[in-house]
Every structure is written in structure tokens, then in C-alpha cells.
Amino acid sequence: MPIQQTKIQSRRISISASLTKLKILQDSLKINFTDQNLIKNAFIHRSYLNENKKYKSTSNERLEFLGDSVLSIVVSRFLYLTLPSSPEGELTQLRASLVRTETLAKIAKKLDLGHYLYLSKGEEDSKGRENSSILANTFEALVGAIYLDQGYERVEKFIDKSILKDWQTLTQSAVSDNKSRLQETLQQKYRVSPTYKLLTSWGPDHARSFQIGVYLDEKLLGRGVGKNKQQAAQNAAQDALKRLDI
């Protein structure tokens, strides 16, 4: 068989195998894409294109951009309606804990999204399919693809099933990491531990809210609001990590 014909046949087999894999994913998600190119595009990492110059496609970064915004509005609306008495600061921190890289990567691993990625050999060798940042970005790209192909109501159902049904567990898991992460970072960098101070509190005794500040020496690193001092302190640590770009 001529070499050129062999290459064409090999490429057809590769494309067929790829579409079969994506069909399996769609079945597991119970979402059938009208435009198969959209879901395929959600899994194309830019490193793959750098290594395959003739591949006629774009990376998933534009879908990631869109998915990030869609995810934010769906999560914001859910928290706004679910927690009618929570102040803006608390809602902001809860949303941040639900859409942070670690949370999205955890969801992506649960959905086995790494299995469907198109990666360069270098990314493959460096375990890119397990990279938290790549997985979180891929989840956002998938959200963007579902939104474009299926509309707002369908993507809202997907986010509700994959994230929001366990929102309390996910937020508790996120905030429980914050103080430890901040402590480890500051100890490593400055060999000093952070301190936490009550800044203010408000509301009746049965439904008080607290604002805690976290300090490095006398420098305020972040603020957090919560229904109790422990939650507020965890949220303050989260705010500090964000400000320190950690």
C-alpha cells in the first residue's frame, strides 16, 4: 500500500477513535452535542497544536474564556438565591471556593476529562492529563462548549449536577485548606506565622456575622466574612492567598 494512502487511512482511524471516545463521554454526561467539533475543540490543548502544525483547529482557550464567565454567572445566581441573607463578601468568597482551580480540577478528575485531552508529547510525558491547571481549564472549556451547543438551561443543569449539588462539601473542603496553605507559604517564605483578628461583627445573637482580618506582623493580608469566627478566618486566609497570587 502506498505510504500516502497508509497515512490517510491511519488518520481516518485516529479521527474515528477520537469521535468514539467523545461519544462515550457524551453518553456518560447524558449530553449529545449537535456540533461534534465543539466538544472536540474543548479538549485541544495549545501544546498539541504547537506540535501538529497542520492540524486545522484552534485550542480550547476561547471556549475556556467563555466557560469561565458562564460558570461564574450560574454559580453566582445559585448562591444569591440559596443564601438570601448572606452579605456580598461572603457570597464572593463562596463563589471563589467553588470555581477555584483545585475544585474544578477535582470535578474534572471525577469526570475523567484528562482521558480525552489532545496534548503534545512533552505535556503527555510531564503528566499533563493530571495537571490541575490544565484540568480546570478543560472543565471551563467544556462548560463553554455545552453553553454554545445546548444553551443556558442545559449548561446550568450540568453545573448543578457536577458542582452545585455538593456545594457545601466543596466549599468546606476549600476553606479547610486555606489556613494551612497560607501558614505553610508564610512559614516557608518569611518563617513567620500569620495572626487572625476580629475586625467587626453584626446581626442578632442567633444569626451573627463576623469579619476577621489575617495579618503578617502588622500588615493586613486579607479579610473574610463568615457565620462564625472559624469560617471567617478561613475566608480571610483565602482572600490573602488570592491577594498574594498563590
C-alpha atoms as a PDB file:
ATOM      1  CA  MET A   1       0.000   0.000   0.000  1.00  0.00           C
ATOM      2  CA  PRO A   2       1.429   3.463  -0.912  1.00  0.00           C
ATOM      3  CA  ILE A   3       2.818   5.476   2.027  1.00  0.00           C
ATOM      4  CA  GLN A   4       0.483   8.424   1.401  1.00  0.00           C
ATOM      5  CA  GLN A   5      -2.578   6.151   1.382  1.00  0.00           C
ATOM      6  CA  THR A   6      -1.386   4.500   4.583  1.00  0.00           C
ATOM      7  CA  LYS A   7      -1.098   7.921   6.268  1.00  0.00           C
ATOM      8  CA  ILE A   8      -4.610   8.879   5.172  1.00  0.00           C
ATOM      9  CA  GLN A   9      -6.017   5.581   6.434  1.00  0.00           C
ATOM     10  CA  SER A  10      -4.148   5.984   9.731  1.00  0.00           C
ATOM     11  CA  ARG A  11      -5.537   9.497  10.120  1.00  0.00           C
ATOM     12  CA  ARG A  12      -9.093   8.244   9.454  1.00  0.00           C
ATOM     13  CA  ILE A  13      -8.671   5.555  12.121  1.00  0.00           C
ATOM     14  CA  SER A  14      -7.344   8.190  14.554  1.00  0.00           C
ATOM     15  CA  ILE A  15     -10.268  10.546  13.897  1.00  0.00           C
ATOM     16  CA  SER A  16     -12.738   7.671  14.206  1.00  0.00           C
ATOM     17  CA  ALA A  17     -11.208   6.563  17.504  1.00  0.00           C
ATOM     18  CA  SER A  18     -11.334  10.145  18.779  1.00  0.00           C
ATOM     19  CA  LEU A  19     -15.013  10.538  17.912  1.00  0.00           C
ATOM     20  CA  THR A  20     -15.770   7.197  19.563  1.00  0.00           C
ATOM     21  CA  LYS A  21     -14.061   8.326  22.772  1.00  0.00           C
ATOM     22  CA  LEU A  22     -16.020  11.573  22.771  1.00  0.00           C
ATOM     23  CA  LYS A  23     -19.258   9.646  22.192  1.00  0.00           C
ATOM     24  CA  ILE A  24     -18.504   7.667  25.345  1.00  0.00           C
ATOM     25  CA  LEU A  25     -18.019  10.929  27.242  1.00  0.00           C
ATOM     26  CA  GLN A  26     -21.264  12.367  25.908  1.00  0.00           C
ATOM     27  CA  ASP A  27     -23.118   9.214  26.941  1.00  0.00           C
ATOM     28  CA  SER A  28     -21.704   9.458  30.457  1.00  0.00           C
ATOM     29  CA  LEU A  29     -22.673  13.129  30.677  1.00  0.00           C
ATOM     30  CA  LYS A  30     -26.061  12.423  29.049  1.00  0.00           C
ATOM     31  CA  ILE A  31     -25.387  15.261  26.607  1.00  0.00           C
ATOM     32  CA  ASN A  32     -25.461  14.709  22.849  1.00  0.00           C
ATOM     33  CA  PHE A  33     -23.726  17.522  21.012  1.00  0.00           C
ATOM     34  CA  THR A  34     -25.281  18.814  17.819  1.00  0.00           C
ATOM     35  CA  ASP A  35     -21.868  20.117  16.750  1.00  0.00           C
ATOM     36  CA  GLN A  36     -19.256  17.432  17.433  1.00  0.00           C
ATOM     37  CA  ASN A  37     -16.480  19.886  16.599  1.00  0.00           C
ATOM     38  CA  LEU A  38     -17.395  21.933  19.676  1.00  0.00           C
ATOM     39  CA  ILE A  39     -16.872  19.147  22.182  1.00  0.00           C
ATOM     40  CA  LYS A  40     -13.717  18.048  20.367  1.00  0.00           C
ATOM     41  CA  ASN A  41     -12.372  21.600  20.482  1.00  0.00           C
ATOM     42  CA  ALA A  42     -12.928  21.698  24.246  1.00  0.00           C
ATOM     43  CA  PHE A  43     -10.148  19.123  24.672  1.00  0.00           C
ATOM     44  CA  ILE A  44      -7.477  20.523  22.342  1.00  0.00           C
ATOM     45  CA  HIS A  45      -4.649  21.914  24.440  1.00  0.00           C
ATOM     46  CA  ARG A  46      -2.485  24.536  22.755  1.00  0.00           C
ATOM     47  CA  SER A  47       0.599  22.332  23.141  1.00  0.00           C
ATOM     48  CA  TYR A  48      -0.963  19.811  20.758  1.00  0.00           C
ATOM     49  CA  LEU A  49      -1.295  22.456  18.035  1.00  0.00           C
ATOM     50  CA  ASN A  50       2.295  23.596  18.538  1.00  0.00           C
ATOM     51  CA  GLU A  51       3.398  20.057  17.780  1.00  0.00           C
ATOM     52  CA  ASN A  52       0.875  19.419  14.986  1.00  0.00           C
ATOM     53  CA  LYS A  53       1.100  22.492  12.770  1.00  0.00           C
ATOM     54  CA  LYS A  54      -1.067  21.020  10.006  1.00  0.00           C
ATOM     55  CA  TYR A  55      -3.959  20.245  12.339  1.00  0.00           C
ATOM     56  CA  LYS A  56      -6.786  22.570  11.298  1.00  0.00           C
ATOM     57  CA  SER A  57      -8.270  23.703  14.576  1.00  0.00           C
ATOM     58  CA  THR A  58      -7.877  26.156  17.442  1.00  0.00           C
ATOM     59  CA  SER A  59      -7.038  25.401  21.055  1.00  0.00           C
ATOM     60  CA  ASN A  60      -9.676  25.272  23.770  1.00  0.00           C
ATOM     61  CA  GLU A  61      -8.656  28.652  25.198  1.00  0.00           C
ATOM     62  CA  ARG A  62     -11.539  30.628  23.651  1.00  0.00           C
ATOM     63  CA  LEU A  63     -14.043  28.101  24.997  1.00  0.00           C
ATOM     64  CA  GLU A  64     -12.281  28.290  28.358  1.00  0.00           C
ATOM     65  CA  PHE A  65     -12.741  32.085  28.348  1.00  0.00           C
ATOM     66  CA  LEU A  66     -16.460  31.709  27.665  1.00  0.00           C
ATOM     67  CA  GLY A  67     -16.909  28.840  30.118  1.00  0.00           C
ATOM     68  CA  ASP A  68     -15.283  30.834  32.908  1.00  0.00           C
ATOM     69  CA  SER A  69     -17.938  33.559  32.527  1.00  0.00           C
ATOM     70  CA  VAL A  70     -20.829  31.095  32.204  1.00  0.00           C
ATOM     71  CA  LEU A  71     -19.654  29.200  35.291  1.00  0.00           C
ATOM     72  CA  SER A  72     -19.402  32.439  37.255  1.00  0.00           C
ATOM     73  CA  ILE A  73     -22.946  33.586  36.442  1.00  0.00           C
ATOM     74  CA  VAL A  74     -24.509  30.163  37.131  1.00  0.00           C
ATOM     75  CA  VAL A  75     -22.711  29.788  40.478  1.00  0.00           C
ATOM     76  CA  SER A  76     -23.424  33.427  41.420  1.00  0.00           C
ATOM     77  CA  ARG A  77     -27.140  33.038  40.698  1.00  0.00           C
ATOM     78  CA  PHE A  78     -27.308  29.801  42.680  1.00  0.00           C
ATOM     79  CA  LEU A  79     -25.619  31.313  45.742  1.00  0.00           C
ATOM     80  CA  TYR A  80     -27.706  34.502  45.517  1.00  0.00           C
ATOM     81  CA  LEU A  81     -30.963  32.506  45.552  1.00  0.00           C
ATOM     82  CA  THR A  82     -29.809  29.848  48.036  1.00  0.00           C
ATOM     83  CA  LEU A  83     -28.378  32.260  50.637  1.00  0.00           C
ATOM     84  CA  PRO A  84     -30.746  35.277  50.675  1.00  0.00           C
ATOM     85  CA  SER A  85     -29.364  36.701  53.933  1.00  0.00           C
ATOM     86  CA  SER A  86     -25.638  36.347  53.135  1.00  0.00           C
ATOM     87  CA  PRO A  87     -23.707  39.588  52.501  1.00  0.00           C
ATOM     88  CA  GLU A  88     -21.829  40.267  49.269  1.00  0.00           C
ATOM     89  CA  GLY A  89     -18.441  39.480  50.788  1.00  0.00           C
ATOM     90  CA  GLU A  90     -19.488  36.016  51.923  1.00  0.00           C
ATOM     91  CA  LEU A  91     -21.116  35.213  48.564  1.00  0.00           C
ATOM     92  CA  THR A  92     -17.951  36.307  46.761  1.00  0.00           C
ATOM     93  CA  GLN A  93     -15.763  34.039  48.862  1.00  0.00           C
ATOM     94  CA  LEU A  94     -18.105  31.076  48.499  1.00  0.00           C
ATOM     95  CA  ARG A  95     -18.126  31.521  44.746  1.00  0.00           C
ATOM     96  CA  ALA A  96     -14.341  31.754  44.690  1.00  0.00           C
ATOM     97  CA  SER A  97     -14.064  28.453  46.571  1.00  0.00           C
ATOM     98  CA  LEU A  98     -16.390  26.737  44.071  1.00  0.00           C
ATOM     99  CA  VAL A  99     -14.682  27.973  40.900  1.00  0.00           C
ATOM    100  CA  ARG A 100     -11.061  27.815  42.084  1.00  0.00           C
ATOM    101  CA  THR A 101      -8.573  25.697  40.167  1.00  0.00           C
ATOM    102  CA  GLU A 102      -8.389  22.962  42.803  1.00  0.00           C
ATOM    103  CA  THR A 103     -12.166  22.494  42.930  1.00  0.00           C
ATOM    104  CA  LEU A 104     -12.597  22.419  39.146  1.00  0.00           C
ATOM    105  CA  ALA A 105      -9.652  20.036  38.778  1.00  0.00           C
ATOM    106  CA  LYS A 106     -11.245  17.711  41.329  1.00  0.00           C
ATOM    107  CA  ILE A 107     -14.501  17.711  39.339  1.00  0.00           C
ATOM    108  CA  ALA A 108     -12.589  17.193  36.058  1.00  0.00           C
ATOM    109  CA  LYS A 109     -10.811  14.157  37.535  1.00  0.00           C
ATOM    110  CA  LYS A 110     -14.131  12.746  38.709  1.00  0.00           C
ATOM    111  CA  LEU A 111     -15.446  13.090  35.138  1.00  0.00           C
ATOM    112  CA  ASP A 112     -12.164  11.662  33.763  1.00  0.00           C
ATOM    113  CA  LEU A 113     -11.744  14.641  31.423  1.00  0.00           C
ATOM    114  CA  GLY A 114      -7.979  14.165  31.263  1.00  0.00           C
ATOM    115  CA  HIS A 115      -8.520  10.966  29.291  1.00  0.00           C
ATOM    116  CA  TYR A 116      -9.930  12.940  26.342  1.00  0.00           C
ATOM    117  CA  LEU A 117      -7.268  15.648  26.085  1.00  0.00           C
ATOM    118  CA  TYR A 118      -5.177  16.305  22.975  1.00  0.00           C
ATOM    119  CA  LEU A 119      -1.691  17.046  24.331  1.00  0.00           C
ATOM    120  CA  SER A 120       1.811  17.413  22.963  1.00  0.00           C
ATOM    121  CA  LYS A 121       4.282  14.635  23.692  1.00  0.00           C
ATOM    122  CA  GLY A 122       6.017  16.928  26.166  1.00  0.00           C
ATOM    123  CA  GLU A 123       2.820  17.595  28.129  1.00  0.00           C
ATOM    124  CA  GLU A 124       1.968  13.908  27.943  1.00  0.00           C
ATOM    125  CA  ASP A 125       5.351  12.930  29.359  1.00  0.00           C
ATOM    126  CA  SER A 126       5.065  15.511  32.169  1.00  0.00           C
ATOM    127  CA  LYS A 127       1.686  14.062  33.231  1.00  0.00           C
ATOM    128  CA  GLY A 128      -0.374  16.849  31.694  1.00  0.00           C
ATOM    129  CA  ARG A 129      -3.510  14.722  31.988  1.00  0.00           C
ATOM    130  CA  GLU A 130      -3.193  15.031  35.763  1.00  0.00           C
ATOM    131  CA  ASN A 131      -2.183  18.715  35.818  1.00  0.00           C
ATOM    132  CA  SER A 132      -4.680  20.651  37.958  1.00  0.00           C
ATOM    133  CA  SER A 133      -4.447  23.827  35.902  1.00  0.00           C
ATOM    134  CA  ILE A 134      -4.967  22.007  32.584  1.00  0.00           C
ATOM    135  CA  LEU A 135      -7.862  20.003  34.007  1.00  0.00           C
ATOM    136  CA  ALA A 136      -9.588  23.081  35.461  1.00  0.00           C
ATOM    137  CA  ASN A 137      -9.198  24.941  32.163  1.00  0.00           C
ATOM    138  CA  THR A 138     -10.587  21.933  30.290  1.00  0.00           C
ATOM    139  CA  PHE A 139     -13.629  21.834  32.556  1.00  0.00           C
ATOM    140  CA  GLU A 140     -14.273  25.519  31.813  1.00  0.00           C
ATOM    141  CA  ALA A 141     -13.849  24.860  28.087  1.00  0.00           C
ATOM    142  CA  LEU A 142     -16.387  22.027  28.309  1.00  0.00           C
ATOM    143  CA  VAL A 143     -18.821  24.380  30.070  1.00  0.00           C
ATOM    144  CA  GLY A 144     -18.345  26.877  27.236  1.00  0.00           C
ATOM    145  CA  ALA A 145     -18.933  24.187  24.620  1.00  0.00           C
ATOM    146  CA  ILE A 146     -22.116  22.941  26.308  1.00  0.00           C
ATOM    147  CA  TYR A 147     -23.412  26.510  26.560  1.00  0.00           C
ATOM    148  CA  LEU A 148     -22.852  27.197  22.857  1.00  0.00           C
ATOM    149  CA  ASP A 149     -24.295  23.882  21.707  1.00  0.00           C
ATOM    150  CA  GLN A 150     -27.118  23.306  24.186  1.00  0.00           C
ATOM    151  CA  GLY A 151     -27.970  26.703  25.684  1.00  0.00           C
ATOM    152  CA  TYR A 152     -28.134  28.176  29.188  1.00  0.00           C
ATOM    153  CA  GLU A 153     -30.654  25.793  30.776  1.00  0.00           C
ATOM    154  CA  ARG A 154     -28.675  22.702  29.773  1.00  0.00           C
ATOM    155  CA  VAL A 155     -25.332  24.049  30.935  1.00  0.00           C
ATOM    156  CA  GLU A 156     -26.965  25.135  34.202  1.00  0.00           C
ATOM    157  CA  LYS A 157     -28.140  21.537  34.747  1.00  0.00           C
ATOM    158  CA  PHE A 158     -24.614  20.273  34.027  1.00  0.00           C
ATOM    159  CA  ILE A 159     -23.039  22.683  36.528  1.00  0.00           C
ATOM    160  CA  ASP A 160     -25.728  21.901  39.080  1.00  0.00           C
ATOM    161  CA  LYS A 161     -25.084  18.163  38.784  1.00  0.00           C
ATOM    162  CA  SER A 162     -21.285  18.353  38.691  1.00  0.00           C
ATOM    163  CA  ILE A 163     -20.695  21.111  41.274  1.00  0.00           C
ATOM    164  CA  LEU A 164     -23.687  22.700  42.960  1.00  0.00           C
ATOM    165  CA  LYS A 165     -25.342  19.565  44.327  1.00  0.00           C
ATOM    166  CA  ASP A 166     -22.267  19.179  46.605  1.00  0.00           C
ATOM    167  CA  TRP A 167     -21.571  22.897  47.060  1.00  0.00           C
ATOM    168  CA  GLN A 168     -21.416  22.770  50.863  1.00  0.00           C
ATOM    169  CA  THR A 169     -18.928  19.898  50.896  1.00  0.00           C
ATOM    170  CA  LEU A 170     -16.809  21.562  48.208  1.00  0.00           C
ATOM    171  CA  THR A 171     -16.736  24.948  49.962  1.00  0.00           C
ATOM    172  CA  GLN A 172     -15.893  23.357  53.319  1.00  0.00           C
ATOM    173  CA  SER A 173     -13.099  21.392  51.668  1.00  0.00           C
ATOM    174  CA  ALA A 174     -11.806  24.567  50.036  1.00  0.00           C
ATOM    175  CA  VAL A 175     -11.791  26.731  53.155  1.00  0.00           C
ATOM    176  CA  SER A 176     -10.260  23.985  55.303  1.00  0.00           C
ATOM    177  CA  ASP A 177      -7.228  24.144  53.004  1.00  0.00           C
ATOM    178  CA  ASN A 178      -6.819  27.920  53.124  1.00  0.00           C
ATOM    179  CA  LYS A 179      -5.351  28.442  56.598  1.00  0.00           C
ATOM    180  CA  SER A 180      -2.973  25.527  56.165  1.00  0.00           C
ATOM    181  CA  ARG A 181      -1.830  26.743  52.750  1.00  0.00           C
ATOM    182  CA  LEU A 182      -1.298  30.293  53.992  1.00  0.00           C
ATOM    183  CA  GLN A 183       0.541  29.066  57.095  1.00  0.00           C
ATOM    184  CA  GLU A 184       2.859  26.858  55.023  1.00  0.00           C
ATOM    185  CA  THR A 185       3.539  29.613  52.484  1.00  0.00           C
ATOM    186  CA  LEU A 186       4.388  32.311  55.028  1.00  0.00           C
ATOM    187  CA  GLN A 187       6.480  29.947  57.136  1.00  0.00           C
ATOM    188  CA  GLN A 188       8.436  28.899  54.078  1.00  0.00           C
ATOM    189  CA  LYS A 189       8.939  32.417  52.769  1.00  0.00           C
ATOM    190  CA  TYR A 190       9.252  34.527  55.936  1.00  0.00           C
ATOM    191  CA  ARG A 191       9.488  31.956  58.754  1.00  0.00           C
ATOM    192  CA  VAL A 192       6.615  33.790  60.441  1.00  0.00           C
ATOM    193  CA  SER A 193       3.069  32.584  61.098  1.00  0.00           C
ATOM    194  CA  PRO A 194       0.006  34.725  60.295  1.00  0.00           C
ATOM    195  CA  THR A 195      -2.239  36.090  63.039  1.00  0.00           C
ATOM    196  CA  TYR A 196      -6.015  36.500  62.926  1.00  0.00           C
ATOM    197  CA  LYS A 197      -8.002  39.356  64.482  1.00  0.00           C
ATOM    198  CA  LEU A 198     -11.708  40.062  64.752  1.00  0.00           C
ATOM    199  CA  LEU A 199     -12.420  43.268  62.841  1.00  0.00           C
ATOM    200  CA  THR A 200     -16.177  43.573  63.362  1.00  0.00           C
ATOM    201  CA  SER A 201     -19.400  41.628  63.856  1.00  0.00           C
ATOM    202  CA  TRP A 202     -23.057  42.389  63.286  1.00  0.00           C
ATOM    203  CA  GLY A 203     -26.556  40.932  63.414  1.00  0.00           C
ATOM    204  CA  PRO A 204     -28.692  39.371  66.166  1.00  0.00           C
ATOM    205  CA  ASP A 205     -27.195  36.783  68.521  1.00  0.00           C
ATOM    206  CA  HIS A 206     -28.873  33.872  66.734  1.00  0.00           C
ATOM    207  CA  ALA A 207     -27.599  34.956  63.306  1.00  0.00           C
ATOM    208  CA  ARG A 208     -24.396  36.926  63.755  1.00  0.00           C
ATOM    209  CA  SER A 209     -21.820  37.520  61.045  1.00  0.00           C
ATOM    210  CA  PHE A 210     -18.137  38.072  61.693  1.00  0.00           C
ATOM    211  CA  GLN A 211     -15.322  39.724  59.776  1.00  0.00           C
ATOM    212  CA  ILE A 212     -11.799  38.513  60.501  1.00  0.00           C
ATOM    213  CA  GLY A 213      -8.521  40.002  59.295  1.00  0.00           C
ATOM    214  CA  VAL A 214      -5.337  37.986  58.772  1.00  0.00           C
ATOM    215  CA  TYR A 215      -2.012  39.758  59.365  1.00  0.00           C
ATOM    216  CA  LEU A 216       1.682  39.241  58.769  1.00  0.00           C
ATOM    217  CA  ASP A 217       3.158  41.229  61.642  1.00  0.00           C
ATOM    218  CA  GLU A 218       1.114  44.447  61.343  1.00  0.00           C
ATOM    219  CA  LYS A 219       0.349  44.146  57.618  1.00  0.00           C
ATOM    220  CA  LEU A 220      -3.222  43.211  56.722  1.00  0.00           C
ATOM    221  CA  LEU A 221      -3.116  40.388  54.165  1.00  0.00           C
ATOM    222  CA  GLY A 222      -6.817  39.675  53.750  1.00  0.00           C
ATOM    223  CA  ARG A 223     -10.329  39.870  55.165  1.00  0.00           C
ATOM    224  CA  GLY A 224     -13.033  37.237  55.486  1.00  0.00           C
ATOM    225  CA  VAL A 225     -16.698  37.108  56.456  1.00  0.00           C
ATOM    226  CA  GLY A 226     -18.498  34.121  57.952  1.00  0.00           C
ATOM    227  CA  LYS A 227     -21.321  32.891  60.185  1.00  0.00           C
ATOM    228  CA  ASN A 228     -18.738  32.045  62.834  1.00  0.00           C
ATOM    229  CA  LYS A 229     -15.185  33.149  63.572  1.00  0.00           C
ATOM    230  CA  GLN A 230     -13.621  29.941  62.268  1.00  0.00           C
ATOM    231  CA  GLN A 231     -15.325  30.257  58.880  1.00  0.00           C
ATOM    232  CA  ALA A 232     -14.457  33.953  58.698  1.00  0.00           C
ATOM    233  CA  ALA A 233     -10.800  33.170  59.442  1.00  0.00           C
ATOM    234  CA  GLN A 234     -10.699  30.536  56.693  1.00  0.00           C
ATOM    235  CA  ASN A 235     -12.211  33.034  54.258  1.00  0.00           C
ATOM    236  CA  ALA A 236      -9.673  35.651  55.327  1.00  0.00           C
ATOM    237  CA  ALA A 237      -6.892  33.170  54.540  1.00  0.00           C
ATOM    238  CA  GLN A 238      -8.484  32.557  51.139  1.00  0.00           C
ATOM    239  CA  ASP A 239      -8.557  36.310  50.473  1.00  0.00           C
ATOM    240  CA  ALA A 240      -4.895  36.584  51.487  1.00  0.00           C
ATOM    241  CA  LEU A 241      -3.907  33.718  49.181  1.00  0.00           C
ATOM    242  CA  LYS A 242      -5.707  35.425  46.315  1.00  0.00           C
ATOM    243  CA  ARG A 243      -4.047  38.777  47.006  1.00  0.00           C
ATOM    244  CA  LEU A 244      -0.656  37.098  47.254  1.00  0.00           C
ATOM    245  CA  ASP A 245      -1.436  35.324  43.962  1.00  0.00           C
ATOM    246  CA  ILE A 246      -0.906  31.875  45.470  1.00  0.00           C
END
